Amino acid sequence: MSKRIICSGLIFKGLTVPSFEVSDDEMVGLVIPIDFGCEWYRLMKLLTIQSTGAMSTTRLIYPLFLDEDCASNTTQAIANYIINMGLTDQEASELISALNLRANDSVATLPLTQRMLLELTIAKYQSVNVVMMSTAGLDPLGIKNVVGIAGTLKKCAIVNIISSALLEYYLSIDDFSRFILCK
């Protein structure tokens, strides 16, 4: 198994992230003891920049409210958004059907869980090998669905940044290989 994520540890806005590694076909929970709000997105970007290799194909997947600057790409029709992400018309049609979406609806109108499932399914089509994600803001069923889809990504290292307030719930989900506690 290839180690796709190698983090030598870092300090971000008073949060200490310990060193860790994540291999292919492994999903880890990075447990944050405080609510970071929009800072979660910045932490995901920093971890991606500092911890993934040049040969990695990486996707950041997160609830939109975590990124103050993300509104520009979400007004597109779902079909156009998928095609602009590099999928073919046929793949876009299959994805839209599989997720029971309407091609002409705006990405911005999708409920949070559906948006996350869309992003993960696009990542699957793109054969990404690193996913940095957060399931912040999802309800328990949404978390279970999103983590379940993430677990189907092959040859992919996944880090899900989660709140320590929900750690007990996440421990009940079998898809995680381990949890890394930040201080």
N, C-alpha and C. Protein backbone atom coordinates (compact mmCIF):
# COMPACT_ATOMS: atom_id res chain seq x y z
N MET A 1 0.83 -1.19 0.00
CA MET A 1 0.00 0.00 0.00
C MET A 1 0.88 1.25 0.00
N SER A 2 0.49 2.21 -0.81
CA SER A 2 1.22 3.47 -0.88
C SER A 2 0.77 4.41 0.22
N LYS A 3 1.71 5.09 0.82
CA LYS A 3 1.38 6.15 1.77
C LYS A 3 1.10 7.39 0.94
N ARG A 4 -0.14 7.85 0.94
CA ARG A 4 -0.55 8.99 0.13
C ARG A 4 -0.47 10.30 0.90
N ILE A 5 -0.67 10.23 2.20
CA ILE A 5 -0.64 11.42 3.04
C ILE A 5 0.41 11.21 4.12
N ILE A 6 1.34 12.12 4.19
CA ILE A 6 2.37 12.09 5.23
C ILE A 6 2.40 13.48 5.85
N CYS A 7 1.88 13.58 7.06
CA CYS A 7 1.84 14.86 7.77
C CYS A 7 2.89 14.81 8.87
N SER A 8 3.78 15.75 8.86
CA SER A 8 4.84 15.78 9.88
C SER A 8 4.40 16.54 11.13
N GLY A 9 3.12 16.85 11.21
CA GLY A 9 2.58 17.60 12.34
C GLY A 9 2.61 19.08 12.03
N LEU A 10 1.66 19.81 12.60
CA LEU A 10 1.62 21.25 12.39
C LEU A 10 0.78 21.90 13.47
N ILE A 11 0.98 23.20 13.60
CA ILE A 11 0.16 24.01 14.51
C ILE A 11 -0.59 25.00 13.65
N PHE A 12 -1.90 25.03 13.83
CA PHE A 12 -2.78 25.89 13.03
C PHE A 12 -3.76 26.59 13.95
N LYS A 13 -3.65 27.90 14.04
CA LYS A 13 -4.58 28.72 14.85
C LYS A 13 -4.73 28.15 16.26
N GLY A 14 -3.62 27.74 16.87
CA GLY A 14 -3.64 27.20 18.23
C GLY A 14 -3.97 25.72 18.32
N LEU A 15 -4.26 25.09 17.22
CA LEU A 15 -4.59 23.67 17.18
C LEU A 15 -3.33 22.89 16.81
N THR A 16 -3.01 21.87 17.59
CA THR A 16 -1.85 21.04 17.29
C THR A 16 -2.31 19.76 16.61
N VAL A 17 -1.87 19.60 15.36
CA VAL A 17 -2.16 18.39 14.60
C VAL A 17 -0.92 17.52 14.68
N PRO A 18 -1.04 16.31 15.26
CA PRO A 18 0.14 15.44 15.39
C PRO A 18 0.56 14.88 14.03
N SER A 19 1.75 14.33 13.98
CA SER A 19 2.19 13.69 12.74
C SER A 19 1.37 12.42 12.52
N PHE A 20 1.11 12.12 11.25
CA PHE A 20 0.37 10.91 10.90
C PHE A 20 0.59 10.59 9.44
N GLU A 21 0.28 9.36 9.07
CA GLU A 21 0.35 8.90 7.69
C GLU A 21 -0.95 8.18 7.35
N VAL A 22 -1.35 8.29 6.09
CA VAL A 22 -2.55 7.60 5.61
C VAL A 22 -2.20 6.90 4.30
N SER A 23 -2.49 5.62 4.23
CA SER A 23 -2.20 4.80 3.04
C SER A 23 -3.44 4.66 2.16
N ASP A 24 -3.22 4.10 0.96
CA ASP A 24 -4.34 3.76 0.09
C ASP A 24 -5.37 2.95 0.85
N ASP A 25 -6.62 3.09 0.46
CA ASP A 25 -7.73 2.32 1.03
C ASP A 25 -7.85 2.47 2.54
N GLU A 26 -7.48 3.64 3.04
CA GLU A 26 -7.58 3.90 4.48
C GLU A 26 -8.33 5.22 4.68
N MET A 27 -9.25 5.22 5.64
CA MET A 27 -9.96 6.44 6.01
C MET A 27 -9.70 6.69 7.49
N VAL A 28 -9.19 7.88 7.79
CA VAL A 28 -8.95 8.25 9.17
C VAL A 28 -9.80 9.46 9.53
N GLY A 29 -10.17 9.53 10.78
CA GLY A 29 -10.88 10.70 11.29
C GLY A 29 -9.88 11.59 12.01
N LEU A 30 -9.78 12.83 11.60
CA LEU A 30 -8.93 13.80 12.28
C LEU A 30 -9.85 14.58 13.21
N VAL A 31 -9.71 14.34 14.50
CA VAL A 31 -10.66 14.83 15.50
C VAL A 31 -10.20 16.19 16.03
N ILE A 32 -11.03 17.19 15.81
CA ILE A 32 -10.76 18.56 16.21
C ILE A 32 -11.57 18.86 17.47
N PRO A 33 -10.91 19.33 18.54
CA PRO A 33 -11.62 19.53 19.81
C PRO A 33 -12.48 20.78 19.89
N ILE A 34 -12.41 21.65 18.89
CA ILE A 34 -13.18 22.89 18.92
C ILE A 34 -13.89 23.07 17.60
N ASP A 35 -14.93 23.92 17.61
CA ASP A 35 -15.63 24.24 16.38
C ASP A 35 -14.82 25.30 15.65
N PHE A 36 -14.32 24.98 14.48
CA PHE A 36 -13.46 25.88 13.73
C PHE A 36 -14.22 26.70 12.70
N GLY A 37 -15.50 26.40 12.48
CA GLY A 37 -16.25 27.15 11.48
C GLY A 37 -15.55 27.13 10.14
N CYS A 38 -15.41 28.29 9.52
CA CYS A 38 -14.78 28.40 8.20
C CYS A 38 -13.30 28.03 8.23
N GLU A 39 -12.70 28.01 9.38
CA GLU A 39 -11.28 27.65 9.47
C GLU A 39 -11.05 26.18 9.12
N TRP A 40 -12.04 25.32 9.19
CA TRP A 40 -11.87 23.91 8.84
C TRP A 40 -11.40 23.79 7.40
N TYR A 41 -12.00 24.59 6.53
CA TYR A 41 -11.61 24.57 5.12
C TYR A 41 -10.14 24.96 4.96
N ARG A 42 -9.72 25.99 5.64
CA ARG A 42 -8.33 26.43 5.55
C ARG A 42 -7.38 25.35 6.08
N LEU A 43 -7.79 24.66 7.14
CA LEU A 43 -6.98 23.56 7.67
C LEU A 43 -6.88 22.44 6.64
N MET A 44 -7.99 22.12 5.96
CA MET A 44 -7.97 21.08 4.93
C MET A 44 -7.00 21.45 3.81
N LYS A 45 -7.04 22.71 3.37
CA LYS A 45 -6.15 23.16 2.32
C LYS A 45 -4.69 23.07 2.77
N LEU A 46 -4.41 23.50 3.99
CA LEU A 46 -3.05 23.45 4.53
C LEU A 46 -2.55 22.02 4.61
N LEU A 47 -3.37 21.11 5.12
CA LEU A 47 -2.99 19.70 5.20
C LEU A 47 -2.72 19.13 3.81
N THR A 48 -3.53 19.52 2.85
CA THR A 48 -3.35 19.03 1.47
C THR A 48 -2.02 19.51 0.91
N ILE A 49 -1.72 20.78 1.10
CA ILE A 49 -0.48 21.35 0.57
C ILE A 49 0.74 20.72 1.24
N GLN A 50 0.69 20.57 2.56
CA GLN A 50 1.86 20.12 3.31
C GLN A 50 2.01 18.61 3.40
N SER A 51 0.96 17.86 3.11
CA SER A 51 1.00 16.43 3.43
C SER A 51 0.82 15.48 2.26
N THR A 52 0.56 15.99 1.07
CA THR A 52 0.36 15.09 -0.07
C THR A 52 1.49 15.26 -1.07
N GLY A 53 1.81 14.19 -1.73
CA GLY A 53 2.91 14.19 -2.69
C GLY A 53 2.52 14.76 -4.04
N ALA A 54 3.52 15.04 -4.83
CA ALA A 54 3.30 15.62 -6.16
C ALA A 54 2.53 14.68 -7.07
N MET A 55 2.60 13.39 -6.82
CA MET A 55 1.92 12.42 -7.68
C MET A 55 0.48 12.15 -7.25
N SER A 56 0.02 12.85 -6.24
CA SER A 56 -1.34 12.65 -5.74
C SER A 56 -2.35 13.47 -6.51
N THR A 57 -3.49 12.87 -6.78
CA THR A 57 -4.64 13.57 -7.33
C THR A 57 -5.58 13.78 -6.17
N THR A 58 -5.74 15.01 -5.75
CA THR A 58 -6.42 15.32 -4.49
C THR A 58 -7.71 16.08 -4.74
N ARG A 59 -8.72 15.78 -3.91
CA ARG A 59 -9.97 16.54 -3.89
C ARG A 59 -10.26 16.97 -2.47
N LEU A 60 -10.67 18.23 -2.31
CA LEU A 60 -11.20 18.73 -1.05
C LEU A 60 -12.72 18.63 -1.16
N ILE A 61 -13.34 17.97 -0.20
CA ILE A 61 -14.79 17.82 -0.23
C ILE A 61 -15.31 18.24 1.13
N TYR A 62 -16.18 19.25 1.13
CA TYR A 62 -16.58 19.86 2.39
C TYR A 62 -17.93 20.54 2.22
N PRO A 63 -18.63 20.74 3.32
CA PRO A 63 -19.87 21.52 3.26
C PRO A 63 -19.55 22.94 2.82
N LEU A 64 -20.35 23.50 1.94
CA LEU A 64 -20.07 24.81 1.36
C LEU A 64 -19.93 25.91 2.40
N PHE A 65 -20.64 25.82 3.51
CA PHE A 65 -20.58 26.91 4.47
C PHE A 65 -19.21 27.03 5.11
N LEU A 66 -18.34 26.03 4.92
CA LEU A 66 -17.00 26.12 5.48
C LEU A 66 -16.07 27.00 4.66
N ASP A 67 -16.45 27.30 3.43
CA ASP A 67 -15.60 28.10 2.55
C ASP A 67 -16.33 29.38 2.17
N GLU A 68 -15.84 30.50 2.66
CA GLU A 68 -16.47 31.78 2.37
C GLU A 68 -16.38 32.15 0.89
N ASP A 69 -15.41 31.59 0.16
CA ASP A 69 -15.15 32.00 -1.21
C ASP A 69 -15.68 31.01 -2.25
N CYS A 70 -16.52 30.07 -1.88
CA CYS A 70 -16.87 28.98 -2.79
C CYS A 70 -18.11 29.25 -3.63
N ALA A 71 -18.82 30.33 -3.40
CA ALA A 71 -20.12 30.53 -4.05
C ALA A 71 -20.04 30.60 -5.57
N SER A 72 -18.91 30.98 -6.13
CA SER A 72 -18.82 31.20 -7.57
C SER A 72 -19.11 29.97 -8.41
N ASN A 73 -18.71 28.79 -7.98
CA ASN A 73 -18.89 27.61 -8.82
C ASN A 73 -20.17 26.85 -8.52
N THR A 74 -20.98 27.32 -7.61
CA THR A 74 -22.15 26.56 -7.21
C THR A 74 -23.44 27.01 -7.88
N THR A 75 -23.37 28.04 -8.70
CA THR A 75 -24.59 28.51 -9.37
C THR A 75 -24.81 27.79 -10.69
N GLN A 76 -23.87 26.96 -11.10
CA GLN A 76 -23.99 26.22 -12.35
C GLN A 76 -25.07 25.14 -12.26
N ALA A 77 -25.61 24.79 -13.40
CA ALA A 77 -26.50 23.63 -13.46
C ALA A 77 -25.68 22.39 -13.12
N ILE A 78 -26.29 21.43 -12.48
CA ILE A 78 -25.59 20.23 -12.03
C ILE A 78 -24.87 19.54 -13.18
N ALA A 79 -25.54 19.37 -14.32
CA ALA A 79 -24.91 18.69 -15.47
C ALA A 79 -23.67 19.45 -15.93
N ASN A 80 -23.76 20.76 -16.04
CA ASN A 80 -22.61 21.56 -16.47
C ASN A 80 -21.47 21.48 -15.44
N TYR A 81 -21.82 21.52 -14.19
CA TYR A 81 -20.81 21.42 -13.13
C TYR A 81 -20.03 20.11 -13.25
N ILE A 82 -20.74 19.01 -13.42
CA ILE A 82 -20.11 17.70 -13.53
C ILE A 82 -19.19 17.65 -14.76
N ILE A 83 -19.67 18.13 -15.89
CA ILE A 83 -18.87 18.14 -17.11
C ILE A 83 -17.64 19.05 -16.94
N ASN A 84 -17.83 20.18 -16.28
CA ASN A 84 -16.70 21.08 -16.03
C ASN A 84 -15.67 20.47 -15.08
N MET A 85 -16.06 19.46 -14.34
CA MET A 85 -15.14 18.75 -13.46
C MET A 85 -14.37 17.67 -14.22
N GLY A 86 -14.62 17.57 -15.54
CA GLY A 86 -13.84 16.66 -16.37
C GLY A 86 -14.52 15.35 -16.73
N LEU A 87 -15.77 15.17 -16.37
CA LEU A 87 -16.48 13.95 -16.72
C LEU A 87 -17.11 14.10 -18.10
N THR A 88 -17.36 13.00 -18.76
CA THR A 88 -18.00 13.02 -20.07
C THR A 88 -19.51 13.24 -19.91
N ASP A 89 -20.17 13.54 -21.02
CA ASP A 89 -21.63 13.68 -20.99
C ASP A 89 -22.28 12.39 -20.49
N GLN A 90 -21.78 11.25 -20.97
CA GLN A 90 -22.32 9.95 -20.55
C GLN A 90 -22.14 9.74 -19.04
N GLU A 91 -20.94 10.03 -18.55
CA GLU A 91 -20.68 9.88 -17.11
C GLU A 91 -21.55 10.83 -16.29
N ALA A 92 -21.71 12.05 -16.77
CA ALA A 92 -22.58 13.01 -16.08
C ALA A 92 -24.01 12.49 -16.01
N SER A 93 -24.48 11.95 -17.11
CA SER A 93 -25.84 11.39 -17.15
C SER A 93 -25.99 10.23 -16.17
N GLU A 94 -25.01 9.34 -16.15
CA GLU A 94 -25.03 8.20 -15.22
C GLU A 94 -25.03 8.67 -13.76
N LEU A 95 -24.17 9.65 -13.47
CA LEU A 95 -24.05 10.15 -12.10
C LEU A 95 -25.35 10.82 -11.66
N ILE A 96 -25.91 11.64 -12.53
CA ILE A 96 -27.17 12.33 -12.22
C ILE A 96 -28.28 11.32 -11.95
N SER A 97 -28.34 10.29 -12.76
CA SER A 97 -29.35 9.24 -12.57
C SER A 97 -29.12 8.47 -11.27
N ALA A 98 -27.87 8.09 -11.02
CA ALA A 98 -27.53 7.31 -9.83
C ALA A 98 -27.86 8.06 -8.54
N LEU A 99 -27.67 9.38 -8.56
CA LEU A 99 -27.93 10.18 -7.35
C LEU A 99 -29.33 10.79 -7.34
N ASN A 100 -30.12 10.45 -8.38
CA ASN A 100 -31.50 10.92 -8.48
C ASN A 100 -31.57 12.46 -8.45
N LEU A 101 -30.72 13.08 -9.27
CA LEU A 101 -30.68 14.54 -9.35
C LEU A 101 -31.37 15.01 -10.62
N ARG A 102 -31.59 16.32 -10.73
CA ARG A 102 -32.14 16.92 -11.94
C ARG A 102 -31.04 17.75 -12.58
N ALA A 103 -30.72 17.44 -13.82
CA ALA A 103 -29.57 18.01 -14.52
C ALA A 103 -29.54 19.53 -14.56
N ASN A 104 -30.70 20.16 -14.68
CA ASN A 104 -30.73 21.61 -14.83
C ASN A 104 -30.83 22.38 -13.52
N ASP A 105 -30.98 21.67 -12.40
CA ASP A 105 -31.00 22.35 -11.11
C ASP A 105 -29.61 22.91 -10.81
N SER A 106 -29.58 23.96 -10.04
CA SER A 106 -28.31 24.57 -9.65
C SER A 106 -27.65 23.71 -8.56
N VAL A 107 -26.34 23.61 -8.62
CA VAL A 107 -25.60 22.90 -7.57
C VAL A 107 -25.90 23.53 -6.21
N ALA A 108 -26.09 24.84 -6.20
CA ALA A 108 -26.33 25.56 -4.94
C ALA A 108 -27.64 25.14 -4.26
N THR A 109 -28.57 24.56 -5.03
CA THR A 109 -29.86 24.18 -4.44
C THR A 109 -29.82 22.80 -3.80
N LEU A 110 -28.74 22.07 -3.98
CA LEU A 110 -28.67 20.71 -3.43
C LEU A 110 -28.59 20.75 -1.91
N PRO A 111 -29.32 19.87 -1.24
CA PRO A 111 -29.13 19.72 0.19
C PRO A 111 -27.69 19.28 0.47
N LEU A 112 -27.22 19.55 1.66
CA LEU A 112 -25.83 19.32 2.02
C LEU A 112 -25.37 17.88 1.77
N THR A 113 -26.15 16.90 2.18
CA THR A 113 -25.75 15.51 1.99
C THR A 113 -25.64 15.18 0.50
N GLN A 114 -26.62 15.61 -0.30
CA GLN A 114 -26.57 15.33 -1.74
C GLN A 114 -25.36 15.98 -2.39
N ARG A 115 -25.01 17.19 -1.95
CA ARG A 115 -23.84 17.87 -2.52
C ARG A 115 -22.57 17.08 -2.21
N MET A 116 -22.46 16.60 -0.98
CA MET A 116 -21.28 15.82 -0.59
C MET A 116 -21.22 14.51 -1.38
N LEU A 117 -22.37 13.86 -1.55
CA LEU A 117 -22.41 12.61 -2.32
C LEU A 117 -22.03 12.87 -3.78
N LEU A 118 -22.50 14.00 -4.33
CA LEU A 118 -22.13 14.38 -5.69
C LEU A 118 -20.61 14.54 -5.80
N GLU A 119 -20.02 15.28 -4.88
CA GLU A 119 -18.58 15.53 -4.92
C GLU A 119 -17.78 14.23 -4.79
N LEU A 120 -18.20 13.34 -3.91
CA LEU A 120 -17.50 12.06 -3.74
C LEU A 120 -17.64 11.18 -4.97
N THR A 121 -18.81 11.20 -5.58
CA THR A 121 -19.01 10.39 -6.79
C THR A 121 -18.18 10.94 -7.94
N ILE A 122 -18.07 12.25 -8.05
CA ILE A 122 -17.18 12.85 -9.06
C ILE A 122 -15.75 12.39 -8.78
N ALA A 123 -15.33 12.44 -7.53
CA ALA A 123 -13.98 12.00 -7.15
C ALA A 123 -13.75 10.55 -7.55
N LYS A 124 -14.78 9.72 -7.41
CA LYS A 124 -14.67 8.31 -7.79
C LYS A 124 -14.44 8.18 -9.30
N TYR A 125 -15.21 8.92 -10.10
CA TYR A 125 -15.03 8.90 -11.55
C TYR A 125 -13.65 9.40 -11.95
N GLN A 126 -13.13 10.37 -11.19
CA GLN A 126 -11.82 10.95 -11.50
C GLN A 126 -10.66 10.10 -11.00
N SER A 127 -10.96 9.02 -10.29
CA SER A 127 -9.92 8.15 -9.72
C SER A 127 -8.92 8.91 -8.87
N VAL A 128 -9.42 9.82 -8.03
CA VAL A 128 -8.51 10.55 -7.14
C VAL A 128 -7.90 9.57 -6.15
N ASN A 129 -6.74 9.91 -5.62
CA ASN A 129 -6.12 9.02 -4.64
C ASN A 129 -5.94 9.66 -3.28
N VAL A 130 -6.38 10.91 -3.12
CA VAL A 130 -6.41 11.57 -1.82
C VAL A 130 -7.68 12.39 -1.72
N VAL A 131 -8.42 12.20 -0.63
CA VAL A 131 -9.59 13.03 -0.34
C VAL A 131 -9.43 13.61 1.06
N MET A 132 -9.47 14.93 1.13
CA MET A 132 -9.57 15.63 2.41
C MET A 132 -11.01 16.09 2.48
N MET A 133 -11.72 15.70 3.53
CA MET A 133 -13.13 16.06 3.59
C MET A 133 -13.53 16.38 5.02
N SER A 134 -14.72 16.94 5.13
CA SER A 134 -15.33 17.18 6.43
C SER A 134 -16.82 16.91 6.30
N THR A 135 -17.35 16.22 7.26
CA THR A 135 -18.79 15.96 7.29
C THR A 135 -19.47 16.87 8.30
N ALA A 136 -18.82 17.98 8.63
CA ALA A 136 -19.40 18.96 9.56
C ALA A 136 -20.73 19.45 9.02
N GLY A 137 -21.72 19.51 9.88
CA GLY A 137 -23.02 20.03 9.49
C GLY A 137 -24.00 18.99 8.99
N LEU A 138 -23.53 17.77 8.75
CA LEU A 138 -24.44 16.72 8.29
C LEU A 138 -25.14 16.07 9.48
N ASP A 139 -26.37 15.61 9.26
CA ASP A 139 -27.06 14.86 10.30
C ASP A 139 -26.50 13.44 10.34
N PRO A 140 -26.81 12.65 11.37
CA PRO A 140 -26.22 11.30 11.48
C PRO A 140 -26.43 10.42 10.24
N LEU A 141 -27.60 10.45 9.63
CA LEU A 141 -27.83 9.65 8.43
C LEU A 141 -26.97 10.16 7.28
N GLY A 142 -26.86 11.48 7.13
CA GLY A 142 -26.02 12.06 6.11
C GLY A 142 -24.56 11.68 6.30
N ILE A 143 -24.10 11.71 7.55
CA ILE A 143 -22.72 11.31 7.85
C ILE A 143 -22.49 9.87 7.42
N LYS A 144 -23.41 9.00 7.81
CA LYS A 144 -23.27 7.57 7.48
C LYS A 144 -23.26 7.36 5.97
N ASN A 145 -24.13 8.04 5.24
CA ASN A 145 -24.18 7.90 3.78
C ASN A 145 -22.90 8.42 3.12
N VAL A 146 -22.44 9.58 3.53
CA VAL A 146 -21.25 10.18 2.94
C VAL A 146 -20.01 9.34 3.26
N VAL A 147 -19.87 8.94 4.51
CA VAL A 147 -18.72 8.11 4.88
C VAL A 147 -18.78 6.76 4.14
N GLY A 148 -19.98 6.21 3.97
CA GLY A 148 -20.13 4.95 3.24
C GLY A 148 -19.68 5.07 1.79
N ILE A 149 -20.05 6.14 1.12
CA ILE A 149 -19.60 6.36 -0.26
C ILE A 149 -18.10 6.60 -0.30
N ALA A 150 -17.59 7.38 0.63
CA ALA A 150 -16.14 7.64 0.69
C ALA A 150 -15.38 6.32 0.83
N GLY A 151 -15.93 5.41 1.59
CA GLY A 151 -15.28 4.12 1.79
C GLY A 151 -15.21 3.25 0.54
N THR A 152 -15.96 3.61 -0.50
CA THR A 152 -15.92 2.83 -1.75
C THR A 152 -14.84 3.32 -2.71
N LEU A 153 -14.19 4.43 -2.40
CA LEU A 153 -13.13 4.94 -3.26
C LEU A 153 -11.94 3.99 -3.18
N LYS A 154 -11.50 3.50 -4.31
CA LYS A 154 -10.40 2.53 -4.36
C LYS A 154 -9.06 3.23 -4.50
N LYS A 155 -8.04 2.65 -3.85
CA LYS A 155 -6.67 3.19 -3.89
C LYS A 155 -6.67 4.68 -3.54
N CYS A 156 -7.40 5.01 -2.48
CA CYS A 156 -7.56 6.39 -2.07
C CYS A 156 -7.33 6.52 -0.57
N ALA A 157 -6.55 7.50 -0.17
CA ALA A 157 -6.35 7.82 1.24
C ALA A 157 -7.31 8.95 1.59
N ILE A 158 -8.06 8.79 2.67
CA ILE A 158 -9.11 9.74 3.02
C ILE A 158 -8.91 10.24 4.45
N VAL A 159 -8.97 11.55 4.62
CA VAL A 159 -8.98 12.18 5.94
C VAL A 159 -10.29 12.91 6.07
N ASN A 160 -11.06 12.57 7.09
CA ASN A 160 -12.32 13.24 7.38
C ASN A 160 -12.11 14.04 8.66
N ILE A 161 -12.16 15.36 8.55
CA ILE A 161 -12.01 16.22 9.72
C ILE A 161 -13.35 16.28 10.43
N ILE A 162 -13.34 15.89 11.71
CA ILE A 162 -14.59 15.80 12.46
C ILE A 162 -14.47 16.52 13.80
N SER A 163 -15.60 16.82 14.38
CA SER A 163 -15.65 17.47 15.69
C SER A 163 -15.59 16.43 16.79
N SER A 164 -14.85 16.75 17.83
CA SER A 164 -14.77 15.82 18.97
C SER A 164 -16.13 15.64 19.63
N ALA A 165 -17.03 16.59 19.45
CA ALA A 165 -18.37 16.48 20.04
C ALA A 165 -19.13 15.28 19.49
N LEU A 166 -18.77 14.84 18.27
CA LEU A 166 -19.46 13.72 17.63
C LEU A 166 -18.60 12.46 17.56
N LEU A 167 -17.48 12.43 18.26
CA LEU A 167 -16.57 11.30 18.17
C LEU A 167 -17.25 9.97 18.52
N GLU A 168 -18.08 9.97 19.55
CA GLU A 168 -18.75 8.72 19.93
C GLU A 168 -19.57 8.16 18.78
N TYR A 169 -20.28 9.03 18.04
CA TYR A 169 -21.05 8.57 16.89
C TYR A 169 -20.12 8.02 15.81
N TYR A 170 -19.05 8.75 15.50
CA TYR A 170 -18.11 8.30 14.46
C TYR A 170 -17.47 6.97 14.81
N LEU A 171 -17.23 6.72 16.10
CA LEU A 171 -16.65 5.45 16.52
C LEU A 171 -17.54 4.27 16.17
N SER A 172 -18.84 4.52 16.02
CA SER A 172 -19.78 3.45 15.69
C SER A 172 -19.80 3.13 14.19
N ILE A 173 -19.09 3.91 13.39
CA ILE A 173 -19.06 3.71 11.94
C ILE A 173 -17.82 2.88 11.60
N ASP A 174 -18.02 1.75 10.96
CA ASP A 174 -16.94 0.80 10.70
C ASP A 174 -15.94 1.23 9.63
N ASP A 175 -16.26 2.22 8.83
CA ASP A 175 -15.42 2.58 7.69
C ASP A 175 -14.07 3.20 8.07
N PHE A 176 -13.95 3.69 9.29
CA PHE A 176 -12.71 4.35 9.70
C PHE A 176 -11.68 3.32 10.17
N SER A 177 -10.43 3.52 9.76
CA SER A 177 -9.37 2.64 10.24
C SER A 177 -8.83 3.11 11.58
N ARG A 178 -8.88 4.43 11.83
CA ARG A 178 -8.45 4.96 13.11
C ARG A 178 -8.82 6.43 13.21
N PHE A 179 -8.63 6.99 14.42
CA PHE A 179 -8.90 8.39 14.67
C PHE A 179 -7.64 9.03 15.23
N ILE A 180 -7.37 10.24 14.77
CA ILE A 180 -6.19 10.98 15.21
C ILE A 180 -6.71 12.20 15.99
N LEU A 181 -6.29 12.29 17.25
CA LEU A 181 -6.77 13.36 18.11
C LEU A 181 -5.85 14.57 18.05
N CYS A 182 -6.43 15.71 17.74
CA CYS A 182 -5.70 16.98 17.76
C CYS A 182 -5.92 17.65 19.12
N LYS A 183 -5.00 18.53 19.47
CA LYS A 183 -5.13 19.24 20.76
C LYS A 183 -5.17 20.73 20.55
